[in-house]
Amino acid sequence: MRLIMYGKPGCHLCQGLKEKLAQLTETLNFELEVRNIYDRPEWQEAYQASIPVLYLVQDEMIGEAGAISIPRPSPRASVEQLTKTLQKYFAANDY
């Protein structure tokens, strides 16, 4: 299972979410891919005003076309709250 997070350097919201997700990779057994929106103009255009953006990749064969957007968690959300949120998305999508 894989999560993709779009963010940018220097973004405290992105860094906070990345740190929390890093704590969960073994507990929830997923791979986290962090993408810098400045790496591609289309990412910057799409996500600049809404980072961090998190996607759950459903099917590796169809890539991002099969990804589900996960609403941005509150920066104040604890690791436990983030765990519960992700568990709901994983369960709802047969992970």
PDB file of N, CA and C in Angstrom:
ATOM      1  N   MET A   1       0.859  -1.164   0.000  1.00  0.00           N
ATOM      2  CA  MET A   1       0.000   0.000   0.000  1.00  0.00           C
ATOM      3  C   MET A   1       0.902   1.222   0.000  1.00  0.00           C
ATOM      4  N   ARG A   2       0.438   2.300  -0.640  1.00  0.00           N
ATOM      5  CA  ARG A   2       1.287   3.476  -0.801  1.00  0.00           C
ATOM      6  C   ARG A   2       0.480   4.753  -0.611  1.00  0.00           C
ATOM      7  N   LEU A   3       1.083   5.703   0.091  1.00  0.00           N
ATOM      8  CA  LEU A   3       0.544   7.046   0.220  1.00  0.00           C
ATOM      9  C   LEU A   3       1.491   7.994  -0.503  1.00  0.00           C
ATOM     10  N   ILE A   4       0.915   8.960  -1.193  1.00  0.00           N
ATOM     11  CA  ILE A   4       1.697  10.007  -1.842  1.00  0.00           C
ATOM     12  C   ILE A   4       1.336  11.319  -1.166  1.00  0.00           C
ATOM     13  N   MET A   5       2.355  12.054  -0.736  1.00  0.00           N
ATOM     14  CA  MET A   5       2.136  13.358  -0.124  1.00  0.00           C
ATOM     15  C   MET A   5       2.807  14.420  -0.991  1.00  0.00           C
ATOM     16  N   TYR A   6       2.026  15.400  -1.423  1.00  0.00           N
ATOM     17  CA  TYR A   6       2.552  16.541  -2.165  1.00  0.00           C
ATOM     18  C   TYR A   6       2.788  17.670  -1.175  1.00  0.00           C
ATOM     19  N   GLY A   7       3.969  18.260  -1.243  1.00  0.00           N
ATOM     20  CA  GLY A   7       4.310  19.369  -0.358  1.00  0.00           C
ATOM     21  C   GLY A   7       5.430  20.182  -0.969  1.00  0.00           C
ATOM     22  N   LYS A   8       6.025  21.034  -0.145  1.00  0.00           N
ATOM     23  CA  LYS A   8       7.154  21.837  -0.618  1.00  0.00           C
ATOM     24  C   LYS A   8       8.109  22.086   0.543  1.00  0.00           C
ATOM     25  N   PRO A   9       9.361  22.358   0.220  1.00  0.00           N
ATOM     26  CA  PRO A   9      10.344  22.643   1.267  1.00  0.00           C
ATOM     27  C   PRO A   9       9.957  23.898   2.049  1.00  0.00           C
ATOM     28  N   GLY A  10      10.205  23.861   3.336  1.00  0.00           N
ATOM     29  CA  GLY A  10       9.928  25.019   4.175  1.00  0.00           C
ATOM     30  C   GLY A  10       8.492  25.127   4.652  1.00  0.00           C
ATOM     31  N   CYS A  11       7.644  24.214   4.257  1.00  0.00           N
ATOM     32  CA  CYS A  11       6.234  24.227   4.669  1.00  0.00           C
ATOM     33  C   CYS A  11       6.115  23.499   6.008  1.00  0.00           C
ATOM     34  N   HIS A  12       5.760  24.235   7.053  1.00  0.00           N
ATOM     35  CA  HIS A  12       5.676  23.606   8.381  1.00  0.00           C
ATOM     36  C   HIS A  12       4.529  22.598   8.456  1.00  0.00           C
ATOM     37  N   LEU A  13       3.451  22.818   7.725  1.00  0.00           N
ATOM     38  CA  LEU A  13       2.352  21.857   7.702  1.00  0.00           C
ATOM     39  C   LEU A  13       2.788  20.553   7.039  1.00  0.00           C
ATOM     40  N   CYS A  14       3.541  20.685   5.949  1.00  0.00           N
ATOM     41  CA  CYS A  14       4.040  19.502   5.236  1.00  0.00           C
ATOM     42  C   CYS A  14       5.010  18.721   6.116  1.00  0.00           C
ATOM     43  N   GLN A  15       5.921  19.422   6.756  1.00  0.00           N
ATOM     44  CA  GLN A  15       6.909  18.767   7.599  1.00  0.00           C
ATOM     45  C   GLN A  15       6.242  18.052   8.772  1.00  0.00           C
ATOM     46  N   GLY A  16       5.259  18.694   9.382  1.00  0.00           N
ATOM     47  CA  GLY A  16       4.548  18.081  10.501  1.00  0.00           C
ATOM     48  C   GLY A  16       3.829  16.808  10.096  1.00  0.00           C
ATOM     49  N   LEU A  17       3.143  16.843   8.954  1.00  0.00           N
ATOM     50  CA  LEU A  17       2.433  15.657   8.481  1.00  0.00           C
ATOM     51  C   LEU A  17       3.419  14.556   8.104  1.00  0.00           C
ATOM     52  N   LYS A  18       4.496  14.934   7.452  1.00  0.00           N
ATOM     53  CA  LYS A  18       5.517  13.951   7.057  1.00  0.00           C
ATOM     54  C   LYS A  18       6.086  13.242   8.289  1.00  0.00           C
ATOM     55  N   GLU A  19       6.365  13.990   9.344  1.00  0.00           N
ATOM     56  CA  GLU A  19       6.905  13.398  10.569  1.00  0.00           C
ATOM     57  C   GLU A  19       5.904  12.436  11.214  1.00  0.00           C
ATOM     58  N   LYS A  20       4.638  12.819  11.238  1.00  0.00           N
ATOM     59  CA  LYS A  20       3.614  11.939  11.810  1.00  0.00           C
ATOM     60  C   LYS A  20       3.447  10.673  10.976  1.00  0.00           C
ATOM     61  N   LEU A  21       3.425  10.832   9.659  1.00  0.00           N
ATOM     62  CA  LEU A  21       3.273   9.663   8.788  1.00  0.00           C
ATOM     63  C   LEU A  21       4.467   8.721   8.913  1.00  0.00           C
ATOM     64  N   ALA A  22       5.650   9.270   9.084  1.00  0.00           N
ATOM     65  CA  ALA A  22       6.848   8.441   9.240  1.00  0.00           C
ATOM     66  C   ALA A  22       6.734   7.546  10.475  1.00  0.00           C
ATOM     67  N   GLN A  23       6.055   8.027  11.498  1.00  0.00           N
ATOM     68  CA  GLN A  23       5.863   7.243  12.721  1.00  0.00           C
ATOM     69  C   GLN A  23       4.877   6.094  12.507  1.00  0.00           C
ATOM     70  N   LEU A  24       4.069   6.179  11.458  1.00  0.00           N
ATOM     71  CA  LEU A  24       3.006   5.190  11.232  1.00  0.00           C
ATOM     72  C   LEU A  24       3.328   4.142  10.185  1.00  0.00           C
ATOM     73  N   THR A  25       4.438   4.274   9.480  1.00  0.00           N
ATOM     74  CA  THR A  25       4.699   3.376   8.343  1.00  0.00           C
ATOM     75  C   THR A  25       4.758   1.908   8.745  1.00  0.00           C
ATOM     76  N   GLU A  26       5.268   1.594   9.903  1.00  0.00           N
ATOM     77  CA  GLU A  26       5.322   0.190  10.324  1.00  0.00           C
ATOM     78  C   GLU A  26       4.008  -0.261  10.935  1.00  0.00           C
ATOM     79  N   THR A  27       3.379   0.603  11.702  1.00  0.00           N
ATOM     80  CA  THR A  27       2.110   0.259  12.346  1.00  0.00           C
ATOM     81  C   THR A  27       1.034  -0.051  11.312  1.00  0.00           C
ATOM     82  N   LEU A  28       0.931   0.780  10.279  1.00  0.00           N
ATOM     83  CA  LEU A  28      -0.111   0.606   9.264  1.00  0.00           C
ATOM     84  C   LEU A  28       0.411  -0.039   7.987  1.00  0.00           C
ATOM     85  N   ASN A  29       1.695  -0.308   7.921  1.00  0.00           N
ATOM     86  CA  ASN A  29       2.295  -1.018   6.793  1.00  0.00           C
ATOM     87  C   ASN A  29       1.990  -0.355   5.453  1.00  0.00           C
ATOM     88  N   PHE A  30       2.531   0.829   5.239  1.00  0.00           N
ATOM     89  CA  PHE A  30       2.406   1.520   3.969  1.00  0.00           C
ATOM     90  C   PHE A  30       3.735   2.174   3.620  1.00  0.00           C
ATOM     91  N   GLU A  31       3.875   2.474   2.350  1.00  0.00           N
ATOM     92  CA  GLU A  31       5.049   3.194   1.856  1.00  0.00           C
ATOM     93  C   GLU A  31       4.636   4.645   1.648  1.00  0.00           C
ATOM     94  N   LEU A  32       5.471   5.570   2.095  1.00  0.00           N
ATOM     95  CA  LEU A  32       5.190   6.995   1.923  1.00  0.00           C
ATOM     96  C   LEU A  32       6.113   7.557   0.860  1.00  0.00           C
ATOM     97  N   GLU A  33       5.509   8.150  -0.154  1.00  0.00           N
ATOM     98  CA  GLU A  33       6.277   8.838  -1.195  1.00  0.00           C
ATOM     99  C   GLU A  33       5.980  10.331  -1.060  1.00  0.00           C
ATOM    100  N   VAL A  34       7.021  11.108  -0.830  1.00  0.00           N
ATOM    101  CA  VAL A  34       6.863  12.556  -0.690  1.00  0.00           C
ATOM    102  C   VAL A  34       7.298  13.211  -1.999  1.00  0.00           C
ATOM    103  N   ARG A  35       6.419  14.037  -2.536  1.00  0.00           N
ATOM    104  CA  ARG A  35       6.700  14.723  -3.796  1.00  0.00           C
ATOM    105  C   ARG A  35       6.736  16.231  -3.577  1.00  0.00           C
ATOM    106  N   ASN A  36       7.792  16.846  -4.075  1.00  0.00           N
ATOM    107  CA  ASN A  36       7.962  18.293  -4.012  1.00  0.00           C
ATOM    108  C   ASN A  36       7.183  18.911  -5.168  1.00  0.00           C
ATOM    109  N   ILE A  37       6.252  19.793  -4.866  1.00  0.00           N
ATOM    110  CA  ILE A  37       5.417  20.372  -5.931  1.00  0.00           C
ATOM    111  C   ILE A  37       6.233  21.207  -6.913  1.00  0.00           C
ATOM    112  N   TYR A  38       7.429  21.644  -6.506  1.00  0.00           N
ATOM    113  CA  TYR A  38       8.264  22.430  -7.406  1.00  0.00           C
ATOM    114  C   TYR A  38       8.985  21.565  -8.445  1.00  0.00           C
ATOM    115  N   ASP A  39       8.892  20.242  -8.311  1.00  0.00           N
ATOM    116  CA  ASP A  39       9.544  19.354  -9.269  1.00  0.00           C
ATOM    117  C   ASP A  39       8.843  19.337 -10.623  1.00  0.00           C
ATOM    118  N   ARG A  40       7.552  19.626 -10.626  1.00  0.00           N
ATOM    119  CA  ARG A  40       6.791  19.631 -11.883  1.00  0.00           C
ATOM    120  C   ARG A  40       5.812  20.797 -11.866  1.00  0.00           C
ATOM    121  N   PRO A  41       5.760  21.565 -12.957  1.00  0.00           N
ATOM    122  CA  PRO A  41       4.855  22.719 -13.010  1.00  0.00           C
ATOM    123  C   PRO A  41       3.388  22.352 -12.781  1.00  0.00           C
ATOM    124  N   GLU A  42       2.961  21.178 -13.274  1.00  0.00           N
ATOM    125  CA  GLU A  42       1.563  20.792 -13.101  1.00  0.00           C
ATOM    126  C   GLU A  42       1.243  20.496 -11.637  1.00  0.00           C
ATOM    127  N   TRP A  43       2.221  19.999 -10.877  1.00  0.00           N
ATOM    128  CA  TRP A  43       1.998  19.775  -9.439  1.00  0.00           C
ATOM    129  C   TRP A  43       1.898  21.109  -8.716  1.00  0.00           C
ATOM    130  N   GLN A  44       2.765  22.030  -9.081  1.00  0.00           N
ATOM    131  CA  GLN A  44       2.732  23.342  -8.441  1.00  0.00           C
ATOM    132  C   GLN A  44       1.403  24.039  -8.707  1.00  0.00           C
ATOM    133  N   GLU A  45       0.956  23.977  -9.934  1.00  0.00           N
ATOM    134  CA  GLU A  45      -0.316  24.610 -10.292  1.00  0.00           C
ATOM    135  C   GLU A  45      -1.486  23.964  -9.561  1.00  0.00           C
ATOM    136  N   ALA A  46      -1.473  22.650  -9.488  1.00  0.00           N
ATOM    137  CA  ALA A  46      -2.594  21.925  -8.894  1.00  0.00           C
ATOM    138  C   ALA A  46      -2.645  22.034  -7.371  1.00  0.00           C
ATOM    139  N   TYR A  47      -1.484  22.048  -6.712  1.00  0.00           N
ATOM    140  CA  TYR A  47      -1.467  21.887  -5.252  1.00  0.00           C
ATOM    141  C   TYR A  47      -0.932  23.069  -4.458  1.00  0.00           C
ATOM    142  N   GLN A  48      -0.470  24.101  -5.117  1.00  0.00           N
ATOM    143  CA  GLN A  48       0.185  25.201  -4.429  1.00  0.00           C
ATOM    144  C   GLN A  48      -0.615  25.766  -3.262  1.00  0.00           C
ATOM    145  N   ALA A  49      -1.903  25.928  -3.443  1.00  0.00           N
ATOM    146  CA  ALA A  49      -2.728  26.561  -2.410  1.00  0.00           C
ATOM    147  C   ALA A  49      -3.301  25.571  -1.403  1.00  0.00           C
ATOM    148  N   SER A  50      -3.006  24.271  -1.564  1.00  0.00           N
ATOM    149  CA  SER A  50      -3.670  23.299  -0.700  1.00  0.00           C
ATOM    150  C   SER A  50      -2.730  22.293  -0.029  1.00  0.00           C
ATOM    151  N   ILE A  51      -1.430  22.525  -0.082  1.00  0.00           N
ATOM    152  CA  ILE A  51      -0.501  21.561   0.510  1.00  0.00           C
ATOM    153  C   ILE A  51      -0.583  21.575   2.030  1.00  0.00           C
ATOM    154  N   PRO A  52      -0.298  20.463   2.657  1.00  0.00           N
ATOM    155  CA  PRO A  52       0.041  19.175   2.070  1.00  0.00           C
ATOM    156  C   PRO A  52      -1.199  18.452   1.552  1.00  0.00           C
ATOM    157  N   VAL A  53      -0.993  17.708   0.474  1.00  0.00           N
ATOM    158  CA  VAL A  53      -2.058  16.920  -0.141  1.00  0.00           C
ATOM    159  C   VAL A  53      -1.652  15.457  -0.043  1.00  0.00           C
ATOM    160  N   LEU A  54      -2.600  14.620   0.350  1.00  0.00           N
ATOM    161  CA  LEU A  54      -2.312  13.216   0.590  1.00  0.00           C
ATOM    162  C   LEU A  54      -3.226  12.343  -0.260  1.00  0.00           C
ATOM    163  N   TYR A  55      -2.642  11.343  -0.933  1.00  0.00           N
ATOM    164  CA  TYR A  55      -3.393  10.392  -1.745  1.00  0.00           C
ATOM    165  C   TYR A  55      -3.079   8.968  -1.316  1.00  0.00           C
ATOM    166  N   LEU A  56      -4.085   8.131  -1.351  1.00  0.00           N
ATOM    167  CA  LEU A  56      -3.945   6.700  -1.150  1.00  0.00           C
ATOM    168  C   LEU A  56      -3.995   6.053  -2.529  1.00  0.00           C
ATOM    169  N   VAL A  57      -2.932   5.356  -2.900  1.00  0.00           N
ATOM    170  CA  VAL A  57      -2.883   4.698  -4.200  1.00  0.00           C
ATOM    171  C   VAL A  57      -3.590   3.358  -4.069  1.00  0.00           C
ATOM    172  N   GLN A  58      -4.635   3.182  -4.838  1.00  0.00           N
ATOM    173  CA  GLN A  58      -5.448   1.975  -4.772  1.00  0.00           C
ATOM    174  C   GLN A  58      -4.858   0.830  -5.564  1.00  0.00           C
ATOM    175  N   ASP A  59      -4.386   1.119  -6.751  1.00  0.00           N
ATOM    176  CA  ASP A  59      -3.941   0.061  -7.642  1.00  0.00           C
ATOM    177  C   ASP A  59      -2.679   0.517  -8.350  1.00  0.00           C
ATOM    178  N   GLU A  60      -1.560  -0.140  -8.077  1.00  0.00           N
ATOM    179  CA  GLU A  60      -0.279   0.237  -8.677  1.00  0.00           C
ATOM    180  C   GLU A  60      -0.314   0.168 -10.200  1.00  0.00           C
ATOM    181  N   MET A  61      -1.165  -0.680 -10.731  1.00  0.00           N
ATOM    182  CA  MET A  61      -1.227  -0.849 -12.183  1.00  0.00           C
ATOM    183  C   MET A  61      -1.783   0.391 -12.880  1.00  0.00           C
ATOM    184  N   ILE A  62      -2.685   1.104 -12.226  1.00  0.00           N
ATOM    185  CA  ILE A  62      -3.256   2.293 -12.867  1.00  0.00           C
ATOM    186  C   ILE A  62      -2.715   3.584 -12.265  1.00  0.00           C
ATOM    187  N   GLY A  63      -1.796   3.468 -11.309  1.00  0.00           N
ATOM    188  CA  GLY A  63      -1.108   4.641 -10.762  1.00  0.00           C
ATOM    189  C   GLY A  63      -2.029   5.660 -10.133  1.00  0.00           C
ATOM    190  N   GLU A  64      -1.712   6.915 -10.378  1.00  0.00           N
ATOM    191  CA  GLU A  64      -2.449   7.996  -9.733  1.00  0.00           C
ATOM    192  C   GLU A  64      -3.902   8.075 -10.179  1.00  0.00           C
ATOM    193  N   ALA A  65      -4.218   7.514 -11.326  1.00  0.00           N
ATOM    194  CA  ALA A  65      -5.610   7.521 -11.776  1.00  0.00           C
ATOM    195  C   ALA A  65      -6.486   6.761 -10.793  1.00  0.00           C
ATOM    196  N   GLY A  66      -5.914   5.817 -10.066  1.00  0.00           N
ATOM    197  CA  GLY A  66      -6.666   5.041  -9.097  1.00  0.00           C
ATOM    198  C   GLY A  66      -6.457   5.517  -7.668  1.00  0.00           C
ATOM    199  N   ALA A  67      -5.927   6.715  -7.501  1.00  0.00           N
ATOM    200  CA  ALA A  67      -5.641   7.234  -6.166  1.00  0.00           C
ATOM    201  C   ALA A  67      -6.857   7.942  -5.577  1.00  0.00           C
ATOM    202  N   ILE A  68      -6.961   7.848  -4.260  1.00  0.00           N
ATOM    203  CA  ILE A  68      -8.046   8.497  -3.534  1.00  0.00           C
ATOM    204  C   ILE A  68      -7.457   9.638  -2.716  1.00  0.00           C
ATOM    205  N   SER A  69      -8.043  10.802  -2.841  1.00  0.00           N
ATOM    206  CA  SER A  69      -7.605  11.951  -2.060  1.00  0.00           C
ATOM    207  C   SER A  69      -8.072  11.795  -0.618  1.00  0.00           C
ATOM    208  N   ILE A  70      -7.157  11.985   0.307  1.00  0.00           N
ATOM    209  CA  ILE A  70      -7.490  11.937   1.727  1.00  0.00           C
ATOM    210  C   ILE A  70      -7.521  13.375   2.222  1.00  0.00           C
ATOM    211  N   PRO A  71      -8.601  13.807   2.845  1.00  0.00           N
ATOM    212  CA  PRO A  71      -8.674  15.191   3.325  1.00  0.00           C
ATOM    213  C   PRO A  71      -7.500  15.514   4.248  1.00  0.00           C
ATOM    214  N   ARG A  72      -7.000  16.711   4.105  1.00  0.00           N
ATOM    215  CA  ARG A  72      -5.848  17.133   4.902  1.00  0.00           C
ATOM    216  C   ARG A  72      -6.202  17.109   6.385  1.00  0.00           C
ATOM    217  N   PRO A  73      -5.410  16.369   7.152  1.00  0.00           N
ATOM    218  CA  PRO A  73      -5.677  16.333   8.598  1.00  0.00           C
ATOM    219  C   PRO A  73      -5.296  17.652   9.243  1.00  0.00           C
ATOM    220  N   SER A  74      -5.922  17.940  10.346  1.00  0.00           N
ATOM    221  CA  SER A  74      -5.596  19.138  11.100  1.00  0.00           C
ATOM    222  C   SER A  74      -4.146  19.070  11.558  1.00  0.00           C
ATOM    223  N   PRO A  75      -3.423  20.185  11.500  1.00  0.00           N
ATOM    224  CA  PRO A  75      -2.052  20.188  12.004  1.00  0.00           C
ATOM    225  C   PRO A  75      -1.989  19.829  13.491  1.00  0.00           C
ATOM    226  N   ARG A  76      -3.094  20.001  14.180  1.00  0.00           N
ATOM    227  CA  ARG A  76      -3.145  19.685  15.611  1.00  0.00           C
ATOM    228  C   ARG A  76      -3.489  18.222  15.878  1.00  0.00           C
ATOM    229  N   ALA A  77      -3.807  17.474  14.833  1.00  0.00           N
ATOM    230  CA  ALA A  77      -4.174  16.063  15.004  1.00  0.00           C
ATOM    231  C   ALA A  77      -2.982  15.289  15.565  1.00  0.00           C
ATOM    232  N   SER A  78      -3.280  14.452  16.523  1.00  0.00           N
ATOM    233  CA  SER A  78      -2.233  13.618  17.115  1.00  0.00           C
ATOM    234  C   SER A  78      -1.918  12.451  16.180  1.00  0.00           C
ATOM    235  N   VAL A  79      -0.846  11.746  16.481  1.00  0.00           N
ATOM    236  CA  VAL A  79      -0.496  10.554  15.707  1.00  0.00           C
ATOM    237  C   VAL A  79      -1.623   9.533  15.811  1.00  0.00           C
ATOM    238  N   GLU A  80      -2.228   9.423  16.982  1.00  0.00           N
ATOM    239  CA  GLU A  80      -3.332   8.479  17.171  1.00  0.00           C
ATOM    240  C   GLU A  80      -4.541   8.857  16.318  1.00  0.00           C
ATOM    241  N   GLN A  81      -4.856  10.140  16.255  1.00  0.00           N
ATOM    242  CA  GLN A  81      -5.980  10.589  15.432  1.00  0.00           C
ATOM    243  C   GLN A  81      -5.704  10.342  13.948  1.00  0.00           C
ATOM    244  N   LEU A  82      -4.478  10.597  13.534  1.00  0.00           N
ATOM    245  CA  LEU A  82      -4.102  10.347  12.147  1.00  0.00           C
ATOM    246  C   LEU A  82      -4.181   8.854  11.831  1.00  0.00           C
ATOM    247  N   THR A  83      -3.765   8.026  12.771  1.00  0.00           N
ATOM    248  CA  THR A  83      -3.852   6.574  12.599  1.00  0.00           C
ATOM    249  C   THR A  83      -5.293   6.153  12.360  1.00  0.00           C
ATOM    250  N   LYS A  84      -6.211   6.646  13.175  1.00  0.00           N
ATOM    251  CA  LYS A  84      -7.625   6.290  13.030  1.00  0.00           C
ATOM    252  C   LYS A  84      -8.182   6.747  11.688  1.00  0.00           C
ATOM    253  N   THR A  85      -7.815   7.936  11.268  1.00  0.00           N
ATOM    254  CA  THR A  85      -8.277   8.446   9.977  1.00  0.00           C
ATOM    255  C   THR A  85      -7.795   7.560   8.841  1.00  0.00           C
ATOM    256  N   LEU A  86      -6.510   7.237   8.846  1.00  0.00           N
ATOM    257  CA  LEU A  86      -5.970   6.403   7.778  1.00  0.00           C
ATOM    258  C   LEU A  86      -6.551   5.000   7.812  1.00  0.00           C
ATOM    259  N   GLN A  87      -6.754   4.454   8.993  1.00  0.00           N
ATOM    260  CA  GLN A  87      -7.354   3.120   9.104  1.00  0.00           C
ATOM    261  C   GLN A  87      -8.728   3.087   8.451  1.00  0.00           C
ATOM    262  N   LYS A  88      -9.503   4.152   8.619  1.00  0.00           N
ATOM    263  CA  LYS A  88     -10.828   4.226   7.999  1.00  0.00           C
ATOM    264  C   LYS A  88     -10.714   4.190   6.477  1.00  0.00           C
ATOM    265  N   TYR A  89      -9.767   4.950   5.925  1.00  0.00           N
ATOM    266  CA  TYR A  89      -9.591   4.977   4.473  1.00  0.00           C
ATOM    267  C   TYR A  89      -9.071   3.641   3.959  1.00  0.00           C
ATOM    268  N   PHE A  90      -8.162   3.036   4.686  1.00  0.00           N
ATOM    269  CA  PHE A  90      -7.620   1.737   4.272  1.00  0.00           C
ATOM    270  C   PHE A  90      -8.737   0.684   4.305  1.00  0.00           C
ATOM    271  N   ALA A  91      -9.537   0.683   5.355  1.00  0.00           N
ATOM    272  CA  ALA A  91     -10.626  -0.297   5.482  1.00  0.00           C
ATOM    273  C   ALA A  91     -11.691  -0.071   4.423  1.00  0.00           C
ATOM    274  N   ALA A  92     -12.026   1.177   4.160  1.00  0.00           N
ATOM    275  CA  ALA A  92     -13.062   1.493   3.177  1.00  0.00           C
ATOM    276  C   ALA A  92     -12.638   1.139   1.757  1.00  0.00           C
ATOM    277  N   ASN A  93     -11.336   1.004   1.559  1.00  0.00           N
ATOM    278  CA  ASN A  93     -10.825   0.712   0.226  1.00  0.00           C
ATOM    279  C   ASN A  93     -10.130  -0.644   0.152  1.00  0.00           C
ATOM    280  N   ASP A  94     -10.545  -1.555   1.050  1.00  0.00           N
ATOM    281  CA  ASP A  94     -10.082  -2.943   1.058  1.00  0.00           C
ATOM    282  C   ASP A  94      -8.589  -3.105   1.209  1.00  0.00           C
ATOM    283  N   TYR A  95      -7.968  -2.343   2.112  1.00  0.00           N
ATOM    284  CA  TYR A  95      -6.538  -2.511   2.381  1.00  0.00           C
ATOM    285  C   TYR A  95      -6.365  -3.230   3.691  1.00  0.00           C
TER     286      TYR A  95
END
